[in-house]
C-alpha atoms as a PDB file:
ATOM      1  CA  UNK A   1      57.231 -15.231  -1.685  1.00  0.00           C
ATOM      2  CA  UNK A   2      61.024 -15.111  -2.569  1.00  0.00           C
ATOM      3  CA  UNK A   3      63.247 -12.979  -0.302  1.00  0.00           C
ATOM      4  CA  UNK A   4      64.015 -10.521  -3.110  1.00  0.00           C
ATOM      5  CA  UNK A   5      60.430 -10.353  -4.309  1.00  0.00           C
ATOM      6  CA  UNK A   6      58.951  -6.963  -3.672  1.00  0.00           C
ATOM      7  CA  UNK A   7      55.405  -6.506  -2.268  1.00  0.00           C
ATOM      8  CA  UNK A   8      53.154  -5.330  -5.042  1.00  0.00           C
ATOM      9  CA  UNK A   9      52.378  -1.655  -4.734  1.00  0.00           C
ATOM     10  CA  UNK A  10      48.845  -0.906  -3.701  1.00  0.00           C
ATOM     11  CA  UNK A  11      46.829   0.948  -6.265  1.00  0.00           C
ATOM     12  CA  UNK A  12      45.586   4.380  -5.387  1.00  0.00           C
ATOM     13  CA  UNK A  13      42.093   4.473  -4.016  1.00  0.00           C
ATOM     14  CA  UNK A  14      39.374   5.517  -6.233  1.00  0.00           C
ATOM     15  CA  UNK A  15      37.964   8.924  -5.117  1.00  0.00           C
ATOM     16  CA  UNK A  16      34.708  10.079  -6.493  1.00  0.00           C
ATOM     17  CA  UNK A  17      34.635  13.889  -7.124  1.00  0.00           C
ATOM     18  CA  UNK A  18      32.726  16.308  -4.823  1.00  0.00           C
ATOM     19  CA  UNK A  19      29.743  17.553  -6.717  1.00  0.00           C
ATOM     20  CA  UNK A  20      27.261  20.363  -6.053  1.00  0.00           C
ATOM     21  CA  UNK A  21      23.476  19.591  -6.275  1.00  0.00           C
ATOM     22  CA  UNK A  22      23.239  20.890  -9.900  1.00  0.00           C
ATOM     23  CA  UNK A  23      26.262  18.776 -10.820  1.00  0.00           C
ATOM     24  CA  UNK A  24      24.639  15.804  -9.159  1.00  0.00           C
ATOM     25  CA  UNK A  25      21.657  16.299 -11.458  1.00  0.00           C
ATOM     26  CA  UNK A  26      24.008  16.526 -14.638  1.00  0.00           C
ATOM     27  CA  UNK A  27      25.743  13.340 -13.423  1.00  0.00           C
ATOM     28  CA  UNK A  28      22.616  11.488 -13.085  1.00  0.00           C
ATOM     29  CA  UNK A  29      21.401  12.470 -16.619  1.00  0.00           C
ATOM     30  CA  UNK A  30      24.703  12.171 -18.416  1.00  0.00           C
ATOM     31  CA  UNK A  31      26.548   9.441 -16.814  1.00  0.00           C
ATOM     32  CA  UNK A  32      23.870   7.197 -15.174  1.00  0.00           C
ATOM     33  CA  UNK A  33      21.006   7.748 -17.672  1.00  0.00           C
ATOM     34  CA  UNK A  34      18.553   8.722 -14.994  1.00  0.00           C
ATOM     35  CA  UNK A  35      15.531  10.621 -16.210  1.00  0.00           C
ATOM     36  CA  UNK A  36      13.532  13.311 -14.429  1.00  0.00           C
ATOM     37  CA  UNK A  37       9.843  12.638 -15.705  1.00  0.00           C
ATOM     38  CA  UNK A  38       8.322  11.441 -12.350  1.00  0.00           C
ATOM     39  CA  UNK A  39      10.085  14.301 -10.614  1.00  0.00           C
ATOM     40  CA  UNK A  40      11.290  17.437 -12.251  1.00  0.00           C
ATOM     41  CA  UNK A  41      14.913  18.541 -12.044  1.00  0.00           C
ATOM     42  CA  UNK A  42      13.856  21.567  -9.888  1.00  0.00           C
ATOM     43  CA  UNK A  43      11.950  19.338  -7.419  1.00  0.00           C
ATOM     44  CA  UNK A  44      14.956  16.877  -7.409  1.00  0.00           C
ATOM     45  CA  UNK A  45      17.373  19.712  -6.633  1.00  0.00           C
ATOM     46  CA  UNK A  46      15.051  20.801  -3.769  1.00  0.00           C
ATOM     47  CA  UNK A  47      14.789  17.326  -2.418  1.00  0.00           C
ATOM     48  CA  UNK A  48      18.669  16.940  -2.444  1.00  0.00           C
ATOM     49  CA  UNK A  49      19.050  20.286  -0.660  1.00  0.00           C
ATOM     50  CA  UNK A  50      16.508  19.774   2.031  1.00  0.00           C
ATOM     51  CA  UNK A  51      15.802  15.990   2.484  1.00  0.00           C
ATOM     52  CA  UNK A  52      18.481  13.672   1.363  1.00  0.00           C
ATOM     53  CA  UNK A  53      21.742  13.252  -0.373  1.00  0.00           C
ATOM     54  CA  UNK A  54      22.662  11.297  -3.543  1.00  0.00           C
ATOM     55  CA  UNK A  55      24.957   8.800  -1.985  1.00  0.00           C
ATOM     56  CA  UNK A  56      22.126   7.357  -0.002  1.00  0.00           C
ATOM     57  CA  UNK A  57      19.642   7.602  -3.031  1.00  0.00           C
ATOM     58  CA  UNK A  58      22.162   5.780  -5.340  1.00  0.00           C
ATOM     59  CA  UNK A  59      21.884   2.748  -3.163  1.00  0.00           C
ATOM     60  CA  UNK A  60      18.450   2.035  -4.523  1.00  0.00           C
ATOM     61  CA  UNK A  61      19.519   2.108  -8.057  1.00  0.00           C
ATOM     62  CA  UNK A  62      20.172  -1.574  -8.418  1.00  0.00           C
ATOM     63  CA  UNK A  63      16.861  -2.322  -6.685  1.00  0.00           C
ATOM     64  CA  UNK A  64      14.961  -0.408  -9.492  1.00  0.00           C
ATOM     65  CA  UNK A  65      16.658  -1.662 -12.621  1.00  0.00           C
ATOM     66  CA  UNK A  66      19.583  -3.132 -14.472  1.00  0.00           C
ATOM     67  CA  UNK A  67      22.337  -1.372 -16.249  1.00  0.00           C
ATOM     68  CA  UNK A  68      23.440  -1.244 -20.001  1.00  0.00           C
ATOM     69  CA  UNK A  69      26.963  -2.312 -21.037  1.00  0.00           C
ATOM     70  CA  UNK A  70      27.826   1.355 -21.019  1.00  0.00           C
ATOM     71  CA  UNK A  71      26.974   1.658 -17.333  1.00  0.00           C
ATOM     72  CA  UNK A  72      23.690   3.551 -17.692  1.00  0.00           C
ATOM     73  CA  UNK A  73      20.508   2.341 -15.942  1.00  0.00           C
ATOM     74  CA  UNK A  74      17.592   1.146 -17.950  1.00  0.00           C
ATOM     75  CA  UNK A  75      14.156   2.990 -17.372  1.00  0.00           C
ATOM     76  CA  UNK A  76      15.213   4.499 -14.041  1.00  0.00           C
ATOM     77  CA  UNK A  77      13.722   7.886 -12.991  1.00  0.00           C
ATOM     78  CA  UNK A  78      14.812  10.019 -10.154  1.00  0.00           C
ATOM     79  CA  UNK A  79      11.363   9.709  -8.695  1.00  0.00           C
ATOM     80  CA  UNK A  80      11.837   6.049  -8.278  1.00  0.00           C
ATOM     81  CA  UNK A  81      14.783   6.668  -5.938  1.00  0.00           C
ATOM     82  CA  UNK A  82      12.984   9.246  -3.981  1.00  0.00           C
ATOM     83  CA  UNK A  83       9.923   7.055  -3.542  1.00  0.00           C
ATOM     84  CA  UNK A  84      11.976   4.023  -2.409  1.00  0.00           C
ATOM     85  CA  UNK A  85      13.893   6.271   0.085  1.00  0.00           C
ATOM     86  CA  UNK A  86      10.635   7.590   1.513  1.00  0.00           C
ATOM     87  CA  UNK A  87       9.159   4.115   1.922  1.00  0.00           C
ATOM     88  CA  UNK A  88      12.396   2.979   3.493  1.00  0.00           C
ATOM     89  CA  UNK A  89      12.398   5.852   5.988  1.00  0.00           C
ATOM     90  CA  UNK A  90       8.898   5.005   7.234  1.00  0.00           C
ATOM     91  CA  UNK A  91       9.692   1.185   7.196  1.00  0.00           C
ATOM     92  CA  UNK A  92      12.720   1.723   9.434  1.00  0.00           C
ATOM     93  CA  UNK A  93      10.708   3.703  11.985  1.00  0.00           C
ATOM     94  CA  UNK A  94       8.062   1.022  12.406  1.00  0.00           C
ATOM     95  CA  UNK A  95      10.654  -1.798  12.503  1.00  0.00           C
ATOM     96  CA  UNK A  96      12.910  -0.099  15.038  1.00  0.00           C
ATOM     97  CA  UNK A  97       9.902   0.388  17.289  1.00  0.00           C
ATOM     98  CA  UNK A  98       9.191  -3.295  17.040  1.00  0.00           C
ATOM     99  CA  UNK A  99      12.622  -4.581  17.670  1.00  0.00           C
ATOM    100  CA  UNK A 100      13.075  -2.197  20.651  1.00  0.00           C
ATOM    101  CA  UNK A 101       9.889  -3.896  22.032  1.00  0.00           C
ATOM    102  CA  UNK A 102      11.490  -7.279  21.457  1.00  0.00           C
ATOM    103  CA  UNK A 103      14.717  -6.047  23.179  1.00  0.00           C
ATOM    104  CA  UNK A 104      12.606  -5.012  26.187  1.00  0.00           C
ATOM    105  CA  UNK A 105      10.559  -8.287  26.364  1.00  0.00           C
ATOM    106  CA  UNK A 106      13.620 -10.491  25.931  1.00  0.00           C
ATOM    107  CA  UNK A 107      15.007  -8.807  28.912  1.00  0.00           C
ATOM    108  CA  UNK A 108      11.800  -9.258  30.980  1.00  0.00           C
ATOM    109  CA  UNK A 109      11.778 -12.936  30.095  1.00  0.00           C
ATOM    110  CA  UNK A 110      15.424 -13.326  30.978  1.00  0.00           C
ATOM    111  CA  UNK A 111      15.085 -11.559  34.382  1.00  0.00           C
ATOM    112  CA  UNK A 112      11.945 -13.571  35.270  1.00  0.00           C
ATOM    113  CA  UNK A 113      13.636 -16.752  34.416  1.00  0.00           C
ATOM    114  CA  UNK A 114      16.497 -15.824  36.602  1.00  0.00           C
ATOM    115  CA  UNK A 115      14.232 -14.748  39.533  1.00  0.00           C
ATOM    116  CA  UNK A 116      12.137 -17.921  39.316  1.00  0.00           C
ATOM    117  CA  UNK A 117      15.106 -20.252  39.147  1.00  0.00           C
ATOM    118  CA  UNK A 118      15.914 -21.497  42.691  1.00  0.00           C
ATOM    119  CA  UNK A 119      19.486 -22.598  41.596  1.00  0.00           C
ATOM    120  CA  UNK A 120      20.338 -19.230  40.045  1.00  0.00           C
ATOM    121  CA  UNK A 121      21.638 -16.588  42.454  1.00  0.00           C
ATOM    122  CA  UNK A 122      21.847 -14.079  39.637  1.00  0.00           C
ATOM    123  CA  UNK A 123      25.496 -13.394  40.016  1.00  0.00           C
ATOM    124  CA  UNK A 124      27.365 -16.498  39.003  1.00  0.00           C
ATOM    125  CA  UNK A 125      26.170 -16.659  35.473  1.00  0.00           C
ATOM    126  CA  UNK A 126      27.094 -13.001  34.908  1.00  0.00           C
ATOM    127  CA  UNK A 127      30.728 -13.595  36.330  1.00  0.00           C
ATOM    128  CA  UNK A 128      31.239 -16.702  34.168  1.00  0.00           C
ATOM    129  CA  UNK A 129      29.958 -14.613  31.144  1.00  0.00           C
ATOM    130  CA  UNK A 130      32.464 -11.805  31.846  1.00  0.00           C
ATOM    131  CA  UNK A 131      35.275 -14.403  32.312  1.00  0.00           C
ATOM    132  CA  UNK A 132      34.526 -15.590  28.820  1.00  0.00           C
ATOM    133  CA  UNK A 133      34.152 -12.132  27.394  1.00  0.00           C
ATOM    134  CA  UNK A 134      36.463  -9.814  29.542  1.00  0.00           C
ATOM    135  CA  UNK A 135      36.035  -6.863  27.060  1.00  0.00           C
ATOM    136  CA  UNK A 136      32.402  -6.597  28.127  1.00  0.00           C
ATOM    137  CA  UNK A 137      33.675  -5.950  31.775  1.00  0.00           C
ATOM    138  CA  UNK A 138      35.700  -3.050  30.500  1.00  0.00           C
ATOM    139  CA  UNK A 139      32.705  -1.709  28.678  1.00  0.00           C
ATOM    140  CA  UNK A 140      30.683  -1.747  31.865  1.00  0.00           C
ATOM    141  CA  UNK A 141      32.897   0.943  33.387  1.00  0.00           C
ATOM    142  CA  UNK A 142      32.696   3.069  30.410  1.00  0.00           C
ATOM    143  CA  UNK A 143      28.940   2.819  30.377  1.00  0.00           C
ATOM    144  CA  UNK A 144      28.639   4.012  34.026  1.00  0.00           C
ATOM    145  CA  UNK A 145      30.934   7.015  33.322  1.00  0.00           C
ATOM    146  CA  UNK A 146      29.478   8.019  29.840  1.00  0.00           C
ATOM    147  CA  UNK A 147      25.852   7.612  30.135  1.00  0.00           C
ATOM    148  CA  UNK A 148      24.111  11.016  30.543  1.00  0.00           C
ATOM    149  CA  UNK A 149      20.792   9.567  31.645  1.00  0.00           C
ATOM    150  CA  UNK A 150      20.963   7.882  34.991  1.00  0.00           C
ATOM    151  CA  UNK A 151      24.513   6.396  34.340  1.00  0.00           C
ATOM    152  CA  UNK A 152      25.755   7.195  37.797  1.00  0.00           C
ATOM    153  CA  UNK A 153      23.205   4.936  39.309  1.00  0.00           C
ATOM    154  CA  UNK A 154      24.886   1.870  37.720  1.00  0.00           C
ATOM    155  CA  UNK A 155      28.318   2.655  39.173  1.00  0.00           C
ATOM    156  CA  UNK A 156      27.760   0.582  42.259  1.00  0.00           C
ATOM    157  CA  UNK A 157      27.015  -2.458  40.258  1.00  0.00           C
ATOM    158  CA  UNK A 158      30.049  -2.469  38.007  1.00  0.00           C
ATOM    159  CA  UNK A 159      32.214  -4.710  40.227  1.00  0.00           C
ATOM    160  CA  UNK A 160      29.556  -7.366  40.894  1.00  0.00           C
ATOM    161  CA  UNK A 161      26.611  -7.028  38.438  1.00  0.00           C
ATOM    162  CA  UNK A 162      23.509  -9.263  38.752  1.00  0.00           C
ATOM    163  CA  UNK A 163      21.376 -10.357  35.824  1.00  0.00           C
ATOM    164  CA  UNK A 164      18.605  -7.913  36.593  1.00  0.00           C
ATOM    165  CA  UNK A 165      21.016  -4.793  36.404  1.00  0.00           C
ATOM    166  CA  UNK A 166      23.579  -6.242  34.031  1.00  0.00           C
ATOM    167  CA  UNK A 167      21.014  -6.504  31.135  1.00  0.00           C
ATOM    168  CA  UNK A 168      20.605  -2.728  31.444  1.00  0.00           C
ATOM    169  CA  UNK A 169      24.329  -1.966  31.333  1.00  0.00           C
ATOM    170  CA  UNK A 170      25.268  -3.815  28.131  1.00  0.00           C
ATOM    171  CA  UNK A 171      24.854  -3.196  24.312  1.00  0.00           C
ATOM    172  CA  UNK A 172      22.201  -5.086  22.487  1.00  0.00           C
ATOM    173  CA  UNK A 173      24.961  -7.199  20.734  1.00  0.00           C
ATOM    174  CA  UNK A 174      26.388  -8.163  24.208  1.00  0.00           C
ATOM    175  CA  UNK A 175      22.869  -8.798  25.464  1.00  0.00           C
ATOM    176  CA  UNK A 176      22.263 -11.235  22.629  1.00  0.00           C
ATOM    177  CA  UNK A 177      25.446 -13.129  23.586  1.00  0.00           C
ATOM    178  CA  UNK A 178      24.548 -13.134  27.123  1.00  0.00           C
ATOM    179  CA  UNK A 179      20.942 -14.291  26.491  1.00  0.00           C
ATOM    180  CA  UNK A 180      22.330 -17.399  24.521  1.00  0.00           C
ATOM    181  CA  UNK A 181      25.078 -17.840  27.167  1.00  0.00           C
ATOM    182  CA  UNK A 182      22.419 -17.870  30.073  1.00  0.00           C
ATOM    183  CA  UNK A 183      20.319 -20.653  28.821  1.00  0.00           C
ATOM    184  CA  UNK A 184      23.289 -22.694  27.852  1.00  0.00           C
ATOM    185  CA  UNK A 185      24.796 -22.222  31.344  1.00  0.00           C
ATOM    186  CA  UNK A 186      21.465 -23.134  32.958  1.00  0.00           C
ATOM    187  CA  UNK A 187      21.120 -26.061  30.653  1.00  0.00           C
ATOM    188  CA  UNK A 188      17.616 -24.906  29.726  1.00  0.00           C
ATOM    189  CA  UNK A 189      15.986 -24.485  26.452  1.00  0.00           C
ATOM    190  CA  UNK A 190      14.861 -21.196  25.018  1.00  0.00           C
ATOM    191  CA  UNK A 191      12.728 -20.925  21.864  1.00  0.00           C
ATOM    192  CA  UNK A 192      14.164 -17.661  20.873  1.00  0.00           C
ATOM    193  CA  UNK A 193      17.938 -18.012  20.872  1.00  0.00           C
ATOM    194  CA  UNK A 194      18.172 -19.386  17.331  1.00  0.00           C
ATOM    195  CA  UNK A 195      16.368 -16.402  15.984  1.00  0.00           C
ATOM    196  CA  UNK A 196      18.211 -13.556  17.682  1.00  0.00           C
ATOM    197  CA  UNK A 197      20.808 -13.000  15.089  1.00  0.00           C
ATOM    198  CA  UNK A 198      18.066 -11.921  12.705  1.00  0.00           C
ATOM    199  CA  UNK A 199      16.460  -9.662  15.326  1.00  0.00           C
ATOM    200  CA  UNK A 200      19.843  -8.093  16.075  1.00  0.00           C
ATOM    201  CA  UNK A 201      20.659  -7.530  12.532  1.00  0.00           C
ATOM    202  CA  UNK A 202      17.394  -5.849  11.762  1.00  0.00           C
ATOM    203  CA  UNK A 203      17.378  -3.797  14.848  1.00  0.00           C
ATOM    204  CA  UNK A 204      20.903  -2.447  14.267  1.00  0.00           C
ATOM    205  CA  UNK A 205      20.224  -1.686  10.671  1.00  0.00           C
ATOM    206  CA  UNK A 206      17.261   0.409  11.688  1.00  0.00           C
ATOM    207  CA  UNK A 207      18.893   2.045  14.702  1.00  0.00           C
ATOM    208  CA  UNK A 208      21.870   3.108  12.586  1.00  0.00           C
ATOM    209  CA  UNK A 209      19.644   4.275   9.741  1.00  0.00           C
ATOM    210  CA  UNK A 210      20.887   1.922   7.183  1.00  0.00           C
ATOM    211  CA  UNK A 211      18.960   1.726   3.779  1.00  0.00           C
ATOM    212  CA  UNK A 212      16.992  -1.409   3.811  1.00  0.00           C
ATOM    213  CA  UNK A 213      15.376  -1.561   0.365  1.00  0.00           C
ATOM    214  CA  UNK A 214      18.515  -1.860  -1.683  1.00  0.00           C
ATOM    215  CA  UNK A 215      18.341  -5.409  -2.774  1.00  0.00           C
ATOM    216  CA  UNK A 216      15.742  -8.067  -3.080  1.00  0.00           C
ATOM    217  CA  UNK A 217      18.009 -10.759  -4.686  1.00  0.00           C
ATOM    218  CA  UNK A 218      18.430 -14.181  -2.962  1.00  0.00           C
ATOM    219  CA  UNK A 219      21.863 -14.891  -1.812  1.00  0.00           C
ATOM    220  CA  UNK A 220      22.586 -18.705  -2.317  1.00  0.00           C
ATOM    221  CA  UNK A 221      24.981 -19.039   0.761  1.00  0.00           C
ATOM    222  CA  UNK A 222      22.904 -16.968   3.006  1.00  0.00           C
ATOM    223  CA  UNK A 223      21.986 -18.772   6.288  1.00  0.00           C
ATOM    224  CA  UNK A 224      18.256 -18.394   6.510  1.00  0.00           C
ATOM    225  CA  UNK A 225      16.344 -19.043   9.686  1.00  0.00           C
ATOM    226  CA  UNK A 226      15.307 -22.701   9.347  1.00  0.00           C
ATOM    227  CA  UNK A 227      12.624 -22.617  12.102  1.00  0.00           C
ATOM    228  CA  UNK A 228      10.774 -19.697  10.511  1.00  0.00           C
ATOM    229  CA  UNK A 229      11.042 -21.104   7.080  1.00  0.00           C
ATOM    230  CA  UNK A 230       9.403 -24.373   8.287  1.00  0.00           C
ATOM    231  CA  UNK A 231       6.543 -22.341   9.921  1.00  0.00           C
ATOM    232  CA  UNK A 232       5.881 -20.524   6.595  1.00  0.00           C
ATOM    233  CA  UNK A 233       6.283 -23.610   4.453  1.00  0.00           C
ATOM    234  CA  UNK A 234       3.608 -25.430   6.695  1.00  0.00           C
ATOM    235  CA  UNK A 235       1.421 -22.411   7.244  1.00  0.00           C
ATOM    236  CA  UNK A 236      -0.444 -22.296   3.907  1.00  0.00           C
ATOM    237  CA  UNK A 237       0.214 -18.601   3.615  1.00  0.00           C
ATOM    238  CA  UNK A 238      -0.907 -18.373  -0.014  1.00  0.00           C
ATOM    239  CA  UNK A 239       2.453 -18.417  -1.521  1.00  0.00           C
ATOM    240  CA  UNK A 240       4.224 -21.360  -3.213  1.00  0.00           C
ATOM    241  CA  UNK A 241       6.965 -23.211  -1.321  1.00  0.00           C
ATOM    242  CA  UNK A 242       9.582 -22.356  -4.086  1.00  0.00           C
ATOM    243  CA  UNK A 243       8.758 -18.641  -3.634  1.00  0.00           C
ATOM    244  CA  UNK A 244       8.976 -18.939   0.172  1.00  0.00           C
ATOM    245  CA  UNK A 245      12.390 -20.679  -0.033  1.00  0.00           C
ATOM    246  CA  UNK A 246      13.740 -18.146  -2.607  1.00  0.00           C
ATOM    247  CA  UNK A 247      12.451 -15.056  -0.485  1.00  0.00           C
ATOM    248  CA  UNK A 248      13.926 -16.415   2.756  1.00  0.00           C
ATOM    249  CA  UNK A 249      17.380 -16.248   0.965  1.00  0.00           C
ATOM    250  CA  UNK A 250      16.968 -12.410   0.907  1.00  0.00           C
ATOM    251  CA  UNK A 251      18.492 -11.096   4.138  1.00  0.00           C
ATOM    252  CA  UNK A 252      15.746  -8.432   4.655  1.00  0.00           C
ATOM    253  CA  UNK A 253      12.859 -10.651   4.040  1.00  0.00           C
ATOM    254  CA  UNK A 254      14.284 -13.496   6.146  1.00  0.00           C
ATOM    255  CA  UNK A 255      14.899 -11.047   9.058  1.00  0.00           C
ATOM    256  CA  UNK A 256      11.399  -9.505   8.607  1.00  0.00           C
ATOM    257  CA  UNK A 257       9.766 -12.830   8.796  1.00  0.00           C
ATOM    258  CA  UNK A 258      11.891 -13.952  11.823  1.00  0.00           C
ATOM    259  CA  UNK A 259      11.138 -10.669  13.752  1.00  0.00           C
ATOM    260  CA  UNK A 260       7.417 -11.159  13.177  1.00  0.00           C
ATOM    261  CA  UNK A 261       7.528 -14.757  14.340  1.00  0.00           C
ATOM    262  CA  UNK A 262       9.344 -13.705  17.554  1.00  0.00           C
ATOM    263  CA  UNK A 263       7.203 -10.716  18.132  1.00  0.00           C
ATOM    264  CA  UNK A 264       4.058 -12.779  17.949  1.00  0.00           C
ATOM    265  CA  UNK A 265       5.244 -15.253  20.599  1.00  0.00           C
ATOM    266  CA  UNK A 266       7.105 -12.964  22.887  1.00  0.00           C
ATOM    267  CA  UNK A 267       5.147  -9.722  23.208  1.00  0.00           C
ATOM    268  CA  UNK A 268       2.816 -10.426  26.268  1.00  0.00           C
ATOM    269  CA  UNK A 269       0.786  -7.166  26.176  1.00  0.00           C
ATOM    270  CA  UNK A 270      -2.271  -7.787  23.768  1.00  0.00           C
ATOM    271  CA  UNK A 271      -2.737  -4.040  23.438  1.00  0.00           C
ATOM    272  CA  UNK A 272       0.826  -3.417  22.229  1.00  0.00           C
ATOM    273  CA  UNK A 273       0.721  -6.229  19.898  1.00  0.00           C
ATOM    274  CA  UNK A 274      -2.586  -5.369  18.322  1.00  0.00           C
ATOM    275  CA  UNK A 275      -1.834  -1.673  17.897  1.00  0.00           C
ATOM    276  CA  UNK A 276       1.597  -2.435  16.482  1.00  0.00           C
ATOM    277  CA  UNK A 277       0.403  -4.905  13.901  1.00  0.00           C
ATOM    278  CA  UNK A 278      -2.416  -2.611  12.941  1.00  0.00           C
ATOM    279  CA  UNK A 279       0.213   0.237  12.290  1.00  0.00           C
ATOM    280  CA  UNK A 280       2.304  -1.802  10.123  1.00  0.00           C
ATOM    281  CA  UNK A 281      -0.639  -3.265   8.182  1.00  0.00           C
ATOM    282  CA  UNK A 282      -1.928   0.273   7.564  1.00  0.00           C
ATOM    283  CA  UNK A 283       1.557   1.189   6.272  1.00  0.00           C
ATOM    284  CA  UNK A 284       1.743  -1.781   4.043  1.00  0.00           C
ATOM    285  CA  UNK A 285      -1.834  -1.156   2.579  1.00  0.00           C
ATOM    286  CA  UNK A 286      -1.471   2.654   2.624  1.00  0.00           C
ATOM    287  CA  UNK A 287       1.737   4.667   2.089  1.00  0.00           C
ATOM    288  CA  UNK A 288       3.869   1.794   0.912  1.00  0.00           C
ATOM    289  CA  UNK A 289       1.773   1.272  -2.166  1.00  0.00           C
ATOM    290  CA  UNK A 290       0.678   4.909  -2.719  1.00  0.00           C
ATOM    291  CA  UNK A 291       2.750   5.147  -5.864  1.00  0.00           C
ATOM    292  CA  UNK A 292       2.782   1.351  -6.738  1.00  0.00           C
ATOM    293  CA  UNK A 293       2.492   2.183 -10.517  1.00  0.00           C
ATOM    294  CA  UNK A 294       6.081   3.382 -10.206  1.00  0.00           C
ATOM    295  CA  UNK A 295       7.135  -0.257  -9.912  1.00  0.00           C
ATOM    296  CA  UNK A 296       4.538  -2.059 -12.051  1.00  0.00           C
ATOM    297  CA  UNK A 297       7.254  -3.608 -14.164  1.00  0.00           C
ATOM    298  CA  UNK A 298       9.650  -4.506 -11.344  1.00  0.00           C
ATOM    299  CA  UNK A 299       9.124  -8.069 -10.489  1.00  0.00           C
ATOM    300  CA  UNK A 300      11.697  -7.971  -7.687  1.00  0.00           C
ATOM    301  CA  UNK A 301       9.868  -5.299  -5.729  1.00  0.00           C
ATOM    302  CA  UNK A 302       6.513  -6.828  -6.404  1.00  0.00           C
ATOM    303  CA  UNK A 303       7.471 -10.262  -5.287  1.00  0.00           C
ATOM    304  CA  UNK A 304       9.151  -8.971  -2.241  1.00  0.00           C
ATOM    305  CA  UNK A 305       6.037  -6.895  -1.314  1.00  0.00           C
ATOM    306  CA  UNK A 306       3.708  -9.848  -1.851  1.00  0.00           C
ATOM    307  CA  UNK A 307       5.812 -12.060   0.220  1.00  0.00           C
ATOM    308  CA  UNK A 308       6.091  -9.585   3.191  1.00  0.00           C
ATOM    309  CA  UNK A 309       2.467  -8.864   3.083  1.00  0.00           C
ATOM    310  CA  UNK A 310       1.454 -12.514   3.243  1.00  0.00           C
ATOM    311  CA  UNK A 311       3.868 -13.203   5.987  1.00  0.00           C
ATOM    312  CA  UNK A 312       2.432 -10.133   7.898  1.00  0.00           C
ATOM    313  CA  UNK A 313      -1.023 -11.738   7.657  1.00  0.00           C
ATOM    314  CA  UNK A 314       0.194 -14.960   8.758  1.00  0.00           C
ATOM    315  CA  UNK A 315       1.858 -13.843  11.899  1.00  0.00           C
ATOM    316  CA  UNK A 316      -0.628 -11.046  12.906  1.00  0.00           C
ATOM    317  CA  UNK A 317      -3.423 -13.616  12.791  1.00  0.00           C
ATOM    318  CA  UNK A 318      -1.797 -15.777  15.495  1.00  0.00           C
END
């Protein structure tokens, strides 16, 4: 840029107006073209006052339908948004429980591998990891001070943590990094390391209450999990290979399939595994499709459900 050239002025941020619940209803009708046939305006007002807020509900709009050139949604009812938000809530609860199970069993595996390795003293690998990621060491001190549930019991380990206490003192993201680092450092293979990004992404989305069912469109440049894709393509799961490849380009569907794949192999308790798979199957076959007639004409939602249900059958049968 020439010396005398001026930096272009930044445009003012677009701020949406603050609306009361009745104004939100009017906005839905007049600006977005949303109808109130499946749920009355009065019921919608009550829902917005007691159960949810519109910014979250609006995230499901593109899942349900397309827009006209004037910016109004085609065939979208407020009831569609409420139903998707309700399904999403129950789904997040189940998936969070499953990913927390995975976090625990990943730690169990790592600690056991450390304890059973005669060349691993449990300290050197942690020290090398902290040298590579010094910010994690800073976070250890904060953890020992801020944790209100037994945090003081970790203070004595901050200066020289071992694998078995270190894994309890770090965030899940740092644990995933350490997990991969550990097996690279020990020059041993672990079948789970290539799948952990998907598990982390799904776990964090559920833990932070992120809306999951906001898009079922495949993303061409999305880095799908190759190992899980090959399992499904070779698994004769009742879906064509083209559909599998397309669905695995949808981040949520990819991460769901990967999580089930890892869960099947990692969870060592038959009781936990059986009860959890039965719970999620009951949800898929019950509450999830309770109002399936709402989405009879939505191929994106129907295809996503069919793929996820087939994948669930495939992995729960292992």
